[in-house]
Amino acid sequence: MKIKLETGKFYPCYPVYVFSYYAENGKELITTMSSSFTLGNLLVLGVGKSSKFATILQRNPDFCINFLSRTYLRQIELAGTILNRNSSDKTELVGFHFDKSKASNAPYIKEASLIWECRMKNCDQNGDVGFLTVTAEILGRLCDSNLFKNNEFQYNQLDIPLFEADSRQKVYRFMTDEARPAGLYYKDFIARKKSM
């Protein structure tokens, strides 16, 4: 039996990441997000219309997306809760360290396990809704060397917090070290079908 889910929103486990970008004065700024999807090198995300990030994005289209492990969840949450426009020292309060991206005019967080260097391509206003839909290109990807073994990415070593929420509650979920190659279930289906 199915019942109607009465909620104004539902986020089914999106990765939590921290944007890093430069302010007008060249200072590093950060904010936390989770609503996005990618197709190849195309990134689509939702950004609050009145956010500092949305304002600066119109002047400097470059930014980095930083995926950090759960050990940085306190800093990730602070980066999303403290507003840049209300706290000029938010970045210092959170305590991340930065380096300059080679692919985009943006800083990246040194503590991040995985980094996407990005440039905005398009920004849609979405009418009266309070957010912008940003389409960006992923110009480059960086990751910790410990995520590679024998020249292959170690999917079971990536530990990114996931954000799940509805209108009543917000929670973090966590990845496990279990990883299975895609296509195994299909191969099993075909093998069973052939044996019939």
N, C-alpha and C. Protein backbone atom coordinates (compact mmCIF):
# COMPACT_ATOMS: atom_id res chain seq x y z
N MET A 1 0.84 -1.17 0.00
CA MET A 1 0.00 0.00 0.00
C MET A 1 0.89 1.25 0.00
N LYS A 2 0.51 2.23 -0.77
CA LYS A 2 1.22 3.51 -0.83
C LYS A 2 0.36 4.58 -0.18
N ILE A 3 1.03 5.54 0.47
CA ILE A 3 0.32 6.69 1.04
C ILE A 3 0.92 7.96 0.47
N LYS A 4 0.16 9.01 0.46
CA LYS A 4 0.63 10.28 -0.07
C LYS A 4 1.64 10.89 0.91
N LEU A 5 2.77 11.32 0.39
CA LEU A 5 3.80 11.98 1.18
C LEU A 5 3.48 13.47 1.19
N GLU A 6 2.98 13.95 2.30
CA GLU A 6 2.59 15.36 2.44
C GLU A 6 3.80 16.19 2.84
N THR A 7 4.45 16.79 1.86
CA THR A 7 5.63 17.63 2.13
C THR A 7 5.80 18.62 0.99
N GLY A 8 6.34 19.77 1.31
CA GLY A 8 6.58 20.79 0.29
C GLY A 8 7.86 20.56 -0.48
N LYS A 9 8.73 19.68 0.05
CA LYS A 9 9.99 19.37 -0.63
C LYS A 9 10.49 18.01 -0.16
N PHE A 10 11.33 17.40 -0.96
CA PHE A 10 11.97 16.16 -0.57
C PHE A 10 13.29 16.03 -1.31
N TYR A 11 14.36 15.86 -0.57
CA TYR A 11 15.69 15.69 -1.14
C TYR A 11 16.16 14.27 -0.80
N PRO A 12 16.24 13.38 -1.79
CA PRO A 12 16.63 12.00 -1.51
C PRO A 12 18.14 11.76 -1.60
N CYS A 13 18.88 12.26 -0.62
CA CYS A 13 20.32 11.99 -0.51
C CYS A 13 21.16 12.56 -1.64
N TYR A 14 21.36 13.86 -1.62
CA TYR A 14 22.28 14.52 -2.54
C TYR A 14 23.61 14.73 -1.83
N PRO A 15 24.72 14.63 -2.56
CA PRO A 15 26.02 14.91 -1.92
C PRO A 15 26.07 16.35 -1.40
N VAL A 16 26.68 16.53 -0.25
CA VAL A 16 26.88 17.86 0.33
C VAL A 16 28.27 18.33 -0.09
N TYR A 17 28.36 19.57 -0.58
CA TYR A 17 29.65 20.10 -1.01
C TYR A 17 29.75 21.57 -0.63
N VAL A 18 30.96 22.09 -0.69
CA VAL A 18 31.22 23.48 -0.36
C VAL A 18 31.71 24.19 -1.61
N PHE A 19 31.00 25.27 -1.98
CA PHE A 19 31.46 26.15 -3.06
C PHE A 19 32.61 26.99 -2.53
N SER A 20 33.61 27.23 -3.34
CA SER A 20 34.62 28.23 -3.01
C SER A 20 34.77 29.14 -4.22
N TYR A 21 34.88 30.43 -3.94
CA TYR A 21 34.94 31.43 -5.01
C TYR A 21 35.59 32.69 -4.45
N TYR A 22 35.95 33.61 -5.35
CA TYR A 22 36.58 34.85 -4.92
C TYR A 22 35.56 35.98 -4.81
N ALA A 23 35.68 36.77 -3.73
CA ALA A 23 34.90 38.00 -3.58
C ALA A 23 35.50 39.06 -4.52
N GLU A 24 34.83 40.21 -4.60
CA GLU A 24 35.30 41.30 -5.45
C GLU A 24 36.71 41.73 -5.07
N ASN A 25 37.06 41.64 -3.79
CA ASN A 25 38.38 42.06 -3.31
C ASN A 25 39.43 40.94 -3.38
N GLY A 26 39.08 39.79 -3.97
CA GLY A 26 40.03 38.69 -4.12
C GLY A 26 40.08 37.73 -2.94
N LYS A 27 39.27 38.00 -1.93
CA LYS A 27 39.23 37.14 -0.74
C LYS A 27 38.42 35.87 -1.03
N GLU A 28 38.84 34.75 -0.44
CA GLU A 28 38.12 33.49 -0.61
C GLU A 28 36.81 33.53 0.17
N LEU A 29 35.74 33.08 -0.48
CA LEU A 29 34.44 32.94 0.17
C LEU A 29 33.95 31.51 -0.03
N ILE A 30 33.07 31.05 0.88
CA ILE A 30 32.55 29.69 0.81
C ILE A 30 31.06 29.67 1.14
N THR A 31 30.38 28.65 0.66
CA THR A 31 29.01 28.36 1.05
C THR A 31 28.73 26.89 0.77
N THR A 32 27.79 26.31 1.49
CA THR A 32 27.47 24.89 1.36
C THR A 32 26.21 24.72 0.51
N MET A 33 26.21 23.68 -0.33
CA MET A 33 25.07 23.37 -1.19
C MET A 33 24.92 21.85 -1.29
N SER A 34 23.78 21.44 -1.87
CA SER A 34 23.60 20.02 -2.16
C SER A 34 22.75 19.78 -3.41
N SER A 35 21.91 20.72 -3.80
CA SER A 35 20.99 20.49 -4.92
C SER A 35 21.70 20.66 -6.26
N SER A 36 22.00 19.54 -6.90
CA SER A 36 22.67 19.60 -8.20
C SER A 36 22.58 18.27 -8.91
N PHE A 37 22.92 18.30 -10.19
CA PHE A 37 23.13 17.07 -10.94
C PHE A 37 24.14 17.33 -12.04
N THR A 38 24.78 16.27 -12.51
CA THR A 38 25.76 16.38 -13.58
C THR A 38 25.45 15.40 -14.70
N LEU A 39 25.83 15.80 -15.89
CA LEU A 39 25.80 14.94 -17.08
C LEU A 39 27.11 15.20 -17.80
N GLY A 40 28.03 14.26 -17.74
CA GLY A 40 29.36 14.47 -18.33
C GLY A 40 30.03 15.65 -17.64
N ASN A 41 30.39 16.67 -18.43
CA ASN A 41 31.03 17.87 -17.87
C ASN A 41 30.04 19.00 -17.65
N LEU A 42 28.75 18.72 -17.72
CA LEU A 42 27.71 19.71 -17.48
C LEU A 42 27.22 19.58 -16.04
N LEU A 43 27.15 20.71 -15.34
CA LEU A 43 26.68 20.76 -13.96
C LEU A 43 25.49 21.69 -13.90
N VAL A 44 24.41 21.27 -13.25
CA VAL A 44 23.23 22.11 -13.05
C VAL A 44 22.96 22.17 -11.55
N LEU A 45 22.77 23.39 -11.04
CA LEU A 45 22.54 23.54 -9.61
C LEU A 45 21.59 24.69 -9.33
N GLY A 46 20.99 24.65 -8.14
CA GLY A 46 20.10 25.70 -7.69
C GLY A 46 20.81 26.59 -6.69
N VAL A 47 20.67 27.92 -6.87
CA VAL A 47 21.34 28.90 -6.01
C VAL A 47 20.30 29.92 -5.57
N GLY A 48 20.29 30.29 -4.29
CA GLY A 48 19.38 31.31 -3.80
C GLY A 48 19.60 32.64 -4.50
N LYS A 49 18.52 33.26 -4.98
CA LYS A 49 18.63 34.53 -5.72
C LYS A 49 19.30 35.64 -4.92
N SER A 50 19.05 35.69 -3.63
CA SER A 50 19.57 36.78 -2.82
C SER A 50 20.92 36.46 -2.17
N SER A 51 21.51 35.32 -2.52
CA SER A 51 22.77 34.92 -1.90
C SER A 51 23.95 35.73 -2.42
N LYS A 52 24.98 35.84 -1.61
CA LYS A 52 26.23 36.51 -1.99
C LYS A 52 26.83 35.79 -3.19
N PHE A 53 26.75 34.47 -3.19
CA PHE A 53 27.30 33.68 -4.30
C PHE A 53 26.63 34.05 -5.62
N ALA A 54 25.29 34.19 -5.63
CA ALA A 54 24.57 34.55 -6.85
C ALA A 54 25.01 35.92 -7.35
N THR A 55 25.22 36.87 -6.45
CA THR A 55 25.65 38.21 -6.82
C THR A 55 27.04 38.19 -7.45
N ILE A 56 27.97 37.50 -6.81
CA ILE A 56 29.35 37.45 -7.29
C ILE A 56 29.46 36.64 -8.58
N LEU A 57 28.64 35.61 -8.71
CA LEU A 57 28.66 34.76 -9.90
C LEU A 57 28.41 35.57 -11.17
N GLN A 58 27.63 36.64 -11.06
CA GLN A 58 27.35 37.49 -12.23
C GLN A 58 28.62 38.22 -12.69
N ARG A 59 29.56 38.49 -11.76
CA ARG A 59 30.80 39.20 -12.08
C ARG A 59 31.95 38.25 -12.39
N ASN A 60 32.02 37.17 -11.63
CA ASN A 60 33.08 36.17 -11.82
C ASN A 60 32.41 34.80 -11.92
N PRO A 61 32.34 34.24 -13.12
CA PRO A 61 31.60 32.98 -13.31
C PRO A 61 32.34 31.73 -12.84
N ASP A 62 33.54 31.86 -12.29
CA ASP A 62 34.33 30.70 -11.91
C ASP A 62 34.15 30.35 -10.42
N PHE A 63 34.13 29.07 -10.14
CA PHE A 63 34.01 28.58 -8.76
C PHE A 63 34.51 27.15 -8.71
N CYS A 64 34.74 26.66 -7.52
CA CYS A 64 35.10 25.25 -7.33
C CYS A 64 34.06 24.60 -6.42
N ILE A 65 33.79 23.34 -6.68
CA ILE A 65 32.95 22.53 -5.81
C ILE A 65 33.87 21.57 -5.08
N ASN A 66 33.81 21.62 -3.76
CA ASN A 66 34.71 20.86 -2.91
C ASN A 66 33.93 19.80 -2.14
N PHE A 67 34.25 18.54 -2.38
CA PHE A 67 33.64 17.43 -1.65
C PHE A 67 34.59 17.05 -0.53
N LEU A 68 34.12 17.16 0.69
CA LEU A 68 34.93 16.86 1.87
C LEU A 68 34.38 15.62 2.57
N SER A 69 35.22 14.95 3.32
CA SER A 69 34.78 13.76 4.05
C SER A 69 33.94 14.15 5.26
N ARG A 70 33.29 13.18 5.85
CA ARG A 70 32.42 13.43 7.01
C ARG A 70 33.18 13.99 8.20
N THR A 71 34.49 13.82 8.23
CA THR A 71 35.27 14.39 9.35
C THR A 71 35.20 15.92 9.35
N TYR A 72 34.82 16.52 8.24
CA TYR A 72 34.70 17.98 8.13
C TYR A 72 33.24 18.45 8.20
N LEU A 73 32.34 17.61 8.68
CA LEU A 73 30.92 17.96 8.68
C LEU A 73 30.62 19.21 9.50
N ARG A 74 31.32 19.43 10.58
CA ARG A 74 31.12 20.65 11.37
C ARG A 74 31.41 21.88 10.51
N GLN A 75 32.54 21.89 9.82
CA GLN A 75 32.91 23.02 8.97
C GLN A 75 31.97 23.16 7.77
N ILE A 76 31.56 22.02 7.21
CA ILE A 76 30.62 22.04 6.08
C ILE A 76 29.32 22.72 6.51
N GLU A 77 28.81 22.34 7.67
CA GLU A 77 27.55 22.92 8.16
C GLU A 77 27.70 24.40 8.47
N LEU A 78 28.80 24.79 9.10
CA LEU A 78 29.04 26.21 9.38
C LEU A 78 29.14 27.02 8.10
N ALA A 79 29.77 26.46 7.08
CA ALA A 79 29.91 27.16 5.80
C ALA A 79 28.56 27.44 5.16
N GLY A 80 27.56 26.62 5.45
CA GLY A 80 26.23 26.82 4.90
C GLY A 80 25.30 27.60 5.79
N THR A 81 25.62 27.68 7.08
CA THR A 81 24.72 28.31 8.04
C THR A 81 25.06 29.78 8.27
N ILE A 82 26.34 30.10 8.36
CA ILE A 82 26.76 31.49 8.55
C ILE A 82 26.68 32.19 7.20
N LEU A 83 25.99 33.31 7.14
CA LEU A 83 25.82 34.03 5.87
C LEU A 83 27.03 34.90 5.57
N ASN A 84 27.50 34.85 4.30
CA ASN A 84 28.62 35.69 3.88
C ASN A 84 28.30 37.17 4.04
N ARG A 85 27.07 37.55 3.74
CA ARG A 85 26.75 38.98 3.79
C ARG A 85 26.66 39.50 5.24
N ASN A 86 26.52 38.61 6.22
CA ASN A 86 26.44 39.02 7.62
C ASN A 86 27.74 38.82 8.39
N SER A 87 28.69 38.11 7.82
CA SER A 87 29.93 37.83 8.52
C SER A 87 31.09 37.91 7.55
N SER A 88 31.88 38.98 7.66
CA SER A 88 33.00 39.16 6.74
C SER A 88 34.11 38.15 7.01
N ASP A 89 34.10 37.54 8.19
CA ASP A 89 35.16 36.59 8.52
C ASP A 89 34.66 35.14 8.55
N LYS A 90 33.56 34.85 7.85
CA LYS A 90 33.02 33.48 7.81
C LYS A 90 34.08 32.46 7.38
N THR A 91 34.82 32.77 6.34
CA THR A 91 35.82 31.85 5.83
C THR A 91 36.88 31.55 6.90
N GLU A 92 37.31 32.58 7.62
CA GLU A 92 38.30 32.37 8.68
C GLU A 92 37.70 31.57 9.84
N LEU A 93 36.44 31.84 10.17
CA LEU A 93 35.77 31.11 11.26
C LEU A 93 35.70 29.61 10.97
N VAL A 94 35.44 29.27 9.72
CA VAL A 94 35.32 27.85 9.35
C VAL A 94 36.69 27.18 9.34
N GLY A 95 37.71 27.89 8.88
CA GLY A 95 39.08 27.40 9.01
C GLY A 95 39.65 26.56 7.90
N PHE A 96 39.05 26.55 6.72
CA PHE A 96 39.63 25.81 5.60
C PHE A 96 40.87 26.53 5.08
N HIS A 97 41.71 25.77 4.37
CA HIS A 97 42.89 26.33 3.71
C HIS A 97 42.68 26.23 2.20
N PHE A 98 43.25 27.19 1.45
CA PHE A 98 42.95 27.29 0.02
C PHE A 98 44.19 27.25 -0.85
N ASP A 99 43.97 26.85 -2.08
CA ASP A 99 44.97 26.93 -3.14
C ASP A 99 44.25 27.44 -4.38
N LYS A 100 44.99 27.91 -5.37
CA LYS A 100 44.41 28.49 -6.59
C LYS A 100 44.20 27.39 -7.62
N SER A 101 42.99 27.33 -8.17
CA SER A 101 42.69 26.40 -9.26
C SER A 101 43.49 26.79 -10.50
N LYS A 102 43.98 25.80 -11.22
CA LYS A 102 44.68 26.07 -12.47
C LYS A 102 43.71 26.14 -13.66
N ALA A 103 42.53 25.54 -13.51
CA ALA A 103 41.57 25.48 -14.62
C ALA A 103 40.55 26.61 -14.58
N SER A 104 40.34 27.23 -13.42
CA SER A 104 39.36 28.31 -13.32
C SER A 104 39.90 29.39 -12.38
N ASN A 105 39.33 30.56 -12.46
CA ASN A 105 39.74 31.67 -11.59
C ASN A 105 38.99 31.57 -10.26
N ALA A 106 39.34 30.54 -9.50
CA ALA A 106 38.66 30.27 -8.23
C ALA A 106 39.61 29.55 -7.29
N PRO A 107 39.38 29.68 -5.98
CA PRO A 107 40.17 28.91 -5.02
C PRO A 107 39.53 27.54 -4.79
N TYR A 108 40.34 26.57 -4.42
CA TYR A 108 39.77 25.31 -3.96
C TYR A 108 40.24 25.04 -2.53
N ILE A 109 39.50 24.19 -1.85
CA ILE A 109 39.79 23.86 -0.45
C ILE A 109 40.78 22.70 -0.41
N LYS A 110 41.92 22.93 0.22
CA LYS A 110 42.97 21.91 0.28
C LYS A 110 42.51 20.64 1.00
N GLU A 111 41.62 20.77 1.97
CA GLU A 111 41.16 19.61 2.74
C GLU A 111 40.18 18.73 1.96
N ALA A 112 39.70 19.18 0.82
CA ALA A 112 38.70 18.44 0.04
C ALA A 112 39.30 17.16 -0.56
N SER A 113 38.50 16.10 -0.58
CA SER A 113 38.91 14.83 -1.19
C SER A 113 38.78 14.88 -2.71
N LEU A 114 37.76 15.58 -3.18
CA LEU A 114 37.44 15.65 -4.60
C LEU A 114 37.03 17.08 -4.92
N ILE A 115 37.53 17.63 -6.02
CA ILE A 115 37.27 19.02 -6.38
C ILE A 115 36.88 19.10 -7.85
N TRP A 116 35.84 19.88 -8.13
CA TRP A 116 35.47 20.19 -9.52
C TRP A 116 35.74 21.67 -9.74
N GLU A 117 36.53 21.97 -10.77
CA GLU A 117 36.83 23.35 -11.15
C GLU A 117 35.82 23.73 -12.22
N CYS A 118 35.03 24.78 -11.98
CA CYS A 118 33.85 25.07 -12.81
C CYS A 118 33.80 26.51 -13.32
N ARG A 119 33.01 26.69 -14.39
CA ARG A 119 32.70 28.01 -14.92
C ARG A 119 31.22 28.05 -15.33
N MET A 120 30.51 29.07 -14.83
CA MET A 120 29.10 29.23 -15.17
C MET A 120 28.95 29.52 -16.66
N LYS A 121 27.98 28.88 -17.28
CA LYS A 121 27.65 29.10 -18.69
C LYS A 121 26.33 29.84 -18.84
N ASN A 122 25.38 29.58 -17.94
CA ASN A 122 24.05 30.16 -18.06
C ASN A 122 23.42 30.26 -16.68
N CYS A 123 22.55 31.26 -16.51
CA CYS A 123 21.86 31.46 -15.24
C CYS A 123 20.41 31.84 -15.55
N ASP A 124 19.45 31.00 -15.16
CA ASP A 124 18.03 31.25 -15.40
C ASP A 124 17.36 31.76 -14.14
N GLN A 125 16.51 32.77 -14.28
CA GLN A 125 15.85 33.43 -13.14
C GLN A 125 14.70 32.63 -12.54
N ASN A 126 14.03 31.76 -13.27
CA ASN A 126 12.92 30.93 -12.77
C ASN A 126 11.72 31.73 -12.26
N GLY A 127 11.40 32.84 -12.88
CA GLY A 127 10.22 33.61 -12.50
C GLY A 127 10.26 34.10 -11.07
N ASP A 128 9.16 33.87 -10.32
CA ASP A 128 9.04 34.36 -8.95
C ASP A 128 9.64 33.43 -7.90
N VAL A 129 10.16 32.30 -8.33
CA VAL A 129 10.76 31.36 -7.39
C VAL A 129 12.03 31.98 -6.83
N GLY A 130 12.38 31.68 -5.59
CA GLY A 130 13.50 32.33 -4.91
C GLY A 130 14.87 31.77 -5.21
N PHE A 131 15.03 31.08 -6.34
CA PHE A 131 16.34 30.54 -6.67
C PHE A 131 16.65 30.71 -8.14
N LEU A 132 17.92 30.59 -8.47
CA LEU A 132 18.41 30.62 -9.84
C LEU A 132 18.83 29.21 -10.24
N THR A 133 18.64 28.87 -11.49
CA THR A 133 19.17 27.61 -12.00
C THR A 133 20.44 27.95 -12.77
N VAL A 134 21.56 27.47 -12.27
CA VAL A 134 22.87 27.75 -12.86
C VAL A 134 23.34 26.52 -13.63
N THR A 135 23.74 26.73 -14.87
CA THR A 135 24.35 25.69 -15.68
C THR A 135 25.82 26.04 -15.82
N ALA A 136 26.68 25.10 -15.51
CA ALA A 136 28.12 25.36 -15.54
C ALA A 136 28.84 24.20 -16.23
N GLU A 137 30.06 24.50 -16.65
CA GLU A 137 30.93 23.48 -17.24
C GLU A 137 31.97 23.08 -16.20
N ILE A 138 32.19 21.79 -16.07
CA ILE A 138 33.27 21.29 -15.21
C ILE A 138 34.53 21.32 -16.08
N LEU A 139 35.46 22.21 -15.73
CA LEU A 139 36.69 22.39 -16.50
C LEU A 139 37.78 21.40 -16.11
N GLY A 140 37.75 20.95 -14.88
CA GLY A 140 38.76 20.02 -14.40
C GLY A 140 38.32 19.36 -13.12
N ARG A 141 38.94 18.25 -12.80
CA ARG A 141 38.66 17.52 -11.57
C ARG A 141 39.97 17.18 -10.88
N LEU A 142 40.02 17.37 -9.57
CA LEU A 142 41.18 17.03 -8.77
C LEU A 142 40.74 16.09 -7.65
N CYS A 143 41.64 15.21 -7.20
CA CYS A 143 41.29 14.36 -6.06
C CYS A 143 42.55 13.99 -5.29
N ASP A 144 42.34 13.56 -4.06
CA ASP A 144 43.45 13.08 -3.24
C ASP A 144 44.07 11.86 -3.89
N SER A 145 45.39 11.76 -3.79
CA SER A 145 46.09 10.62 -4.39
C SER A 145 45.69 9.29 -3.74
N ASN A 146 45.25 9.32 -2.46
CA ASN A 146 44.85 8.06 -1.81
C ASN A 146 43.54 7.50 -2.37
N LEU A 147 42.87 8.24 -3.25
CA LEU A 147 41.66 7.73 -3.91
C LEU A 147 42.00 6.95 -5.18
N PHE A 148 43.30 6.84 -5.48
CA PHE A 148 43.76 6.07 -6.64
C PHE A 148 44.65 4.92 -6.20
N LYS A 149 44.46 3.78 -6.83
CA LYS A 149 45.31 2.61 -6.60
C LYS A 149 45.42 1.89 -7.94
N ASN A 150 46.63 1.57 -8.33
CA ASN A 150 46.87 0.92 -9.63
C ASN A 150 46.19 1.68 -10.77
N ASN A 151 46.26 2.99 -10.70
CA ASN A 151 45.70 3.89 -11.73
C ASN A 151 44.18 3.80 -11.86
N GLU A 152 43.49 3.34 -10.83
CA GLU A 152 42.03 3.26 -10.84
C GLU A 152 41.46 3.99 -9.63
N PHE A 153 40.35 4.69 -9.84
CA PHE A 153 39.67 5.40 -8.76
C PHE A 153 39.10 4.39 -7.78
N GLN A 154 39.30 4.61 -6.49
CA GLN A 154 38.83 3.71 -5.44
C GLN A 154 37.49 4.24 -4.89
N TYR A 155 36.41 3.87 -5.54
CA TYR A 155 35.08 4.36 -5.18
C TYR A 155 34.73 4.08 -3.72
N ASN A 156 35.18 2.96 -3.19
CA ASN A 156 34.84 2.61 -1.81
C ASN A 156 35.61 3.43 -0.78
N GLN A 157 36.52 4.29 -1.21
CA GLN A 157 37.27 5.14 -0.29
C GLN A 157 36.69 6.56 -0.19
N LEU A 158 35.79 6.91 -1.09
CA LEU A 158 35.18 8.23 -1.09
C LEU A 158 34.15 8.31 0.04
N ASP A 159 34.25 9.31 0.89
CA ASP A 159 33.41 9.41 2.09
C ASP A 159 32.76 10.80 2.13
N ILE A 160 31.76 11.02 1.29
CA ILE A 160 31.09 12.31 1.18
C ILE A 160 29.76 12.25 1.94
N PRO A 161 29.49 13.20 2.84
CA PRO A 161 28.17 13.22 3.49
C PRO A 161 27.06 13.45 2.46
N LEU A 162 25.92 12.87 2.72
CA LEU A 162 24.74 13.03 1.86
C LEU A 162 23.67 13.77 2.64
N PHE A 163 22.92 14.62 1.95
CA PHE A 163 21.87 15.43 2.58
C PHE A 163 20.52 14.90 2.16
N GLU A 164 19.66 14.61 3.16
CA GLU A 164 18.30 14.14 2.91
C GLU A 164 17.37 15.01 3.74
N ALA A 165 16.27 15.44 3.14
CA ALA A 165 15.37 16.34 3.87
C ALA A 165 13.97 16.32 3.28
N ASP A 166 13.03 16.69 4.13
CA ASP A 166 11.68 17.03 3.69
C ASP A 166 11.31 18.32 4.42
N SER A 167 10.05 18.69 4.39
CA SER A 167 9.62 19.95 5.01
C SER A 167 9.77 19.95 6.53
N ARG A 168 9.85 18.79 7.15
CA ARG A 168 9.91 18.71 8.62
C ARG A 168 11.31 18.50 9.17
N GLN A 169 12.17 17.81 8.44
CA GLN A 169 13.45 17.42 9.02
C GLN A 169 14.55 17.39 7.97
N LYS A 170 15.78 17.67 8.43
CA LYS A 170 16.98 17.58 7.60
C LYS A 170 17.94 16.62 8.30
N VAL A 171 18.52 15.68 7.53
CA VAL A 171 19.46 14.73 8.12
C VAL A 171 20.65 14.54 7.18
N TYR A 172 21.76 14.09 7.76
CA TYR A 172 22.91 13.66 6.98
C TYR A 172 22.94 12.15 6.97
N ARG A 173 23.22 11.60 5.82
CA ARG A 173 23.44 10.16 5.69
C ARG A 173 24.88 9.99 5.24
N PHE A 174 25.40 8.77 5.35
CA PHE A 174 26.80 8.57 5.04
C PHE A 174 27.00 7.40 4.09
N MET A 175 28.00 7.55 3.24
CA MET A 175 28.35 6.50 2.30
C MET A 175 29.04 5.37 3.08
N THR A 176 28.93 4.16 2.59
CA THR A 176 29.64 3.04 3.18
C THR A 176 30.83 2.71 2.28
N ASP A 177 31.65 1.78 2.69
CA ASP A 177 32.78 1.39 1.85
C ASP A 177 32.38 0.31 0.84
N GLU A 178 31.11 -0.04 0.80
CA GLU A 178 30.63 -1.03 -0.16
C GLU A 178 30.46 -0.39 -1.52
N ALA A 179 31.01 -1.02 -2.55
CA ALA A 179 30.87 -0.53 -3.93
C ALA A 179 30.78 -1.73 -4.86
N ARG A 180 29.84 -1.67 -5.78
CA ARG A 180 29.66 -2.74 -6.76
C ARG A 180 29.68 -2.15 -8.15
N PRO A 181 30.37 -2.79 -9.08
CA PRO A 181 30.39 -2.28 -10.45
C PRO A 181 28.98 -2.31 -11.06
N ALA A 182 28.63 -1.24 -11.75
CA ALA A 182 27.33 -1.19 -12.45
C ALA A 182 27.33 -2.24 -13.55
N GLY A 183 26.19 -2.82 -13.80
CA GLY A 183 26.03 -3.82 -14.85
C GLY A 183 26.04 -5.25 -14.37
N LEU A 184 26.44 -5.50 -13.11
CA LEU A 184 26.48 -6.87 -12.60
C LEU A 184 25.11 -7.51 -12.57
N TYR A 185 24.10 -6.74 -12.20
CA TYR A 185 22.74 -7.29 -12.10
C TYR A 185 22.19 -7.64 -13.48
N TYR A 186 22.52 -6.80 -14.45
CA TYR A 186 22.09 -7.08 -15.83
C TYR A 186 22.79 -8.34 -16.35
N LYS A 187 24.09 -8.45 -16.10
CA LYS A 187 24.84 -9.64 -16.54
C LYS A 187 24.27 -10.89 -15.89
N ASP A 188 23.92 -10.80 -14.62
CA ASP A 188 23.31 -11.94 -13.92
C ASP A 188 21.97 -12.29 -14.54
N PHE A 189 21.18 -11.28 -14.89
CA PHE A 189 19.88 -11.50 -15.53
C PHE A 189 20.05 -12.24 -16.86
N ILE A 190 20.99 -11.78 -17.68
CA ILE A 190 21.23 -12.40 -18.98
C ILE A 190 21.72 -13.85 -18.81
N ALA A 191 22.62 -14.07 -17.86
CA ALA A 191 23.12 -15.44 -17.61
C ALA A 191 21.99 -16.36 -17.19
N ARG A 192 21.11 -15.88 -16.31
CA ARG A 192 19.96 -16.71 -15.87
C ARG A 192 19.01 -16.98 -17.02
N LYS A 193 18.81 -15.97 -17.86
CA LYS A 193 17.89 -16.13 -18.99
C LYS A 193 18.43 -17.18 -19.98
N LYS A 194 19.75 -17.16 -20.20
CA LYS A 194 20.38 -18.12 -21.11
C LYS A 194 20.30 -19.54 -20.57
N SER A 195 20.35 -19.68 -19.24
CA SER A 195 20.34 -21.02 -18.64
C SER A 195 18.93 -21.64 -18.58
N MET A 196 17.92 -20.86 -18.92
CA MET A 196 16.53 -21.37 -18.88
C MET A 196 16.20 -22.17 -20.11
